[in-house]
Protein backbone atom coordinates (compact mmCIF):
# COMPACT_ATOMS: atom_id res chain seq x y z
CA UNK A 1 -13.43 4.49 -39.12
CA UNK A 2 -16.23 6.83 -38.05
CA UNK A 3 -17.26 9.36 -40.69
CA UNK A 4 -17.77 13.02 -39.77
CA UNK A 5 -19.02 15.91 -41.87
CA UNK A 6 -17.41 19.32 -41.50
CA UNK A 7 -19.85 21.82 -42.99
CA UNK A 8 -18.88 25.43 -43.72
CA UNK A 9 -21.52 28.06 -44.39
CA UNK A 10 -21.60 31.29 -46.36
CA UNK A 11 -18.51 33.38 -47.12
CA UNK A 12 -16.12 30.84 -45.61
CA UNK A 13 -14.89 30.09 -49.12
CA UNK A 14 -13.17 33.51 -48.89
CA UNK A 15 -11.04 32.62 -45.86
CA UNK A 16 -7.45 33.78 -46.19
CA UNK A 17 -8.57 36.89 -48.09
CA UNK A 18 -11.63 37.93 -46.04
CA UNK A 19 -10.78 40.01 -42.95
CA UNK A 20 -7.63 38.06 -41.98
CA UNK A 21 -7.40 40.06 -38.75
CA UNK A 22 -10.72 38.54 -37.71
CA UNK A 23 -10.66 35.12 -39.36
CA UNK A 24 -6.95 34.35 -39.83
CA UNK A 25 -4.80 33.92 -42.90
CA UNK A 26 -5.48 30.24 -43.61
CA UNK A 27 -7.57 29.45 -46.67
CA UNK A 28 -10.55 27.14 -46.46
CA UNK A 29 -8.56 24.50 -48.35
CA UNK A 30 -5.73 24.74 -45.79
CA UNK A 31 -8.19 24.42 -42.91
CA UNK A 32 -9.87 21.45 -44.56
CA UNK A 33 -6.51 19.69 -44.97
CA UNK A 34 -5.71 20.28 -41.30
CA UNK A 35 -9.10 18.82 -40.39
CA UNK A 36 -8.66 15.74 -42.55
CA UNK A 37 -5.24 15.19 -40.94
CA UNK A 38 -6.63 15.78 -37.44
CA UNK A 39 -9.45 13.36 -38.18
CA UNK A 40 -6.97 10.66 -39.14
CA UNK A 41 -5.13 11.21 -35.84
CA UNK A 42 -8.46 10.86 -34.00
CA UNK A 43 -9.63 7.83 -35.95
CA UNK A 44 -12.23 9.82 -37.89
CA UNK A 45 -12.79 10.06 -41.63
CA UNK A 46 -13.52 13.74 -42.26
CA UNK A 47 -15.43 15.00 -45.28
CA UNK A 48 -15.55 18.78 -45.76
CA UNK A 49 -18.23 20.72 -47.63
CA UNK A 50 -18.99 24.43 -48.06
CA UNK A 51 -21.92 26.33 -49.51
CA UNK A 52 -23.15 29.89 -49.64
CA UNK A 53 -26.72 28.63 -50.14
CA UNK A 54 -29.05 27.85 -47.25
CA UNK A 55 -30.97 25.13 -49.10
CA UNK A 56 -27.77 23.36 -50.10
CA UNK A 57 -26.59 23.39 -46.48
CA UNK A 58 -29.94 21.89 -45.43
CA UNK A 59 -29.70 19.19 -48.11
CA UNK A 60 -26.15 18.37 -47.03
CA UNK A 61 -27.25 18.01 -43.40
CA UNK A 62 -30.15 15.76 -44.42
CA UNK A 63 -27.82 13.50 -46.44
CA UNK A 64 -25.28 13.34 -43.58
CA UNK A 65 -27.73 11.45 -41.38
CA UNK A 66 -27.31 8.48 -43.74
CA UNK A 67 -23.51 8.25 -43.56
CA UNK A 68 -22.00 10.39 -40.76
CA UNK A 69 -21.87 9.87 -36.99
CA UNK A 70 -21.79 13.63 -36.43
CA UNK A 71 -21.33 17.09 -37.91
CA UNK A 72 -19.03 20.00 -37.12
CA UNK A 73 -20.94 22.99 -38.48
CA UNK A 74 -20.01 26.63 -38.99
CA UNK A 75 -23.26 28.18 -40.20
CA UNK A 76 -21.60 31.59 -40.73
CA UNK A 77 -24.11 34.43 -40.94
CA UNK A 78 -27.00 31.96 -41.06
CA UNK A 79 -26.28 31.30 -37.36
CA UNK A 80 -28.35 34.34 -36.45
CA UNK A 81 -31.12 34.12 -39.04
CA UNK A 82 -32.00 30.60 -40.13
CA UNK A 83 -34.80 28.74 -38.43
CA UNK A 84 -34.69 26.30 -41.37
CA UNK A 85 -31.06 25.33 -40.59
CA UNK A 86 -31.92 25.00 -36.91
CA UNK A 87 -34.77 22.66 -37.81
CA UNK A 88 -32.50 20.62 -40.11
CA UNK A 89 -29.95 20.20 -37.31
CA UNK A 90 -32.71 19.08 -34.94
CA UNK A 91 -34.16 16.67 -37.50
CA UNK A 92 -31.11 14.65 -38.49
CA UNK A 93 -30.69 12.71 -35.25
CA UNK A 94 -26.88 12.84 -35.05
CA UNK A 95 -24.77 15.15 -32.87
CA UNK A 96 -23.92 18.53 -34.35
CA UNK A 97 -21.32 20.86 -32.84
CA UNK A 98 -21.61 24.51 -33.86
CA UNK A 99 -18.24 26.19 -34.39
CA UNK A 100 -17.00 29.68 -35.19
CA UNK A 101 -13.52 30.96 -35.96
CA UNK A 102 -14.01 34.25 -34.12
CA UNK A 103 -15.26 34.89 -30.61
CA UNK A 104 -18.80 35.87 -31.53
CA UNK A 105 -19.39 37.24 -28.02
CA UNK A 106 -16.64 39.84 -28.48
CA UNK A 107 -18.32 41.14 -31.64
CA UNK A 108 -21.57 42.90 -32.59
CA UNK A 109 -24.50 42.10 -30.32
CA UNK A 110 -26.52 40.48 -33.13
CA UNK A 111 -23.81 37.79 -33.31
CA UNK A 112 -24.42 36.83 -29.68
CA UNK A 113 -27.66 35.03 -30.58
CA UNK A 114 -27.54 31.68 -32.34
CA UNK A 115 -30.74 30.11 -33.61
CA UNK A 116 -28.73 26.94 -34.34
CA UNK A 117 -27.09 26.36 -30.92
CA UNK A 118 -30.18 25.11 -29.04
CA UNK A 119 -30.43 22.19 -31.50
CA UNK A 120 -26.72 21.35 -31.20
CA UNK A 121 -24.77 19.19 -28.76
CA UNK A 122 -22.53 22.18 -28.05
CA UNK A 123 -20.84 25.30 -29.38
CA UNK A 124 -17.17 26.27 -29.73
CA UNK A 125 -16.07 29.76 -30.75
CA UNK A 126 -13.04 32.01 -30.79
CA UNK A 127 -10.14 29.64 -31.40
CA UNK A 128 -9.60 30.18 -35.12
CA UNK A 129 -9.29 26.95 -37.12
CA UNK A 130 -8.75 25.13 -33.82
CA UNK A 131 -12.48 25.63 -33.11
CA UNK A 132 -13.09 23.01 -35.79
CA UNK A 133 -10.43 20.73 -34.29
CA UNK A 134 -12.11 20.98 -30.90
CA UNK A 135 -15.42 20.22 -32.62
CA UNK A 136 -13.94 17.02 -34.05
CA UNK A 137 -12.74 16.04 -30.56
CA UNK A 138 -16.24 16.68 -29.23
CA UNK A 139 -17.87 14.54 -31.94
CA UNK A 140 -15.44 11.73 -31.20
CA UNK A 141 -16.27 11.87 -27.49
CA UNK A 142 -20.01 12.16 -28.12
CA UNK A 143 -20.00 9.08 -30.37
CA UNK A 144 -17.77 6.81 -28.25
CA UNK A 145 -19.73 3.81 -27.11
């Protein structure tokens, strides 16, 4: 079974309590369980990680190149600020799909720019937890051979 990393960035540990009108009422643990179940349906073994720390996210991406076929990544607020995360995505040599729960293009203008997206295979935003599900589908398709 192909292994996929789902990586959640800063503040996503507060899902369910943080702005439910924007991000939904599901907790991160509930989303992760849905993703593990979806992965099984798709023939993928999903491992989920979350960190509020940029360096830890970079280390997790670096390690993923040794065991995962791809990454579904929600960089959170680092999307708009982190050249270091962009460089880590570019360096690992496996497909990364950037995902966001909210439609970032319907929000503040600073959220319209992603430093990460140019290094990714694609970007999915605005479908709540289903953005991650669609990311898993994309990784499966990108790694079929």
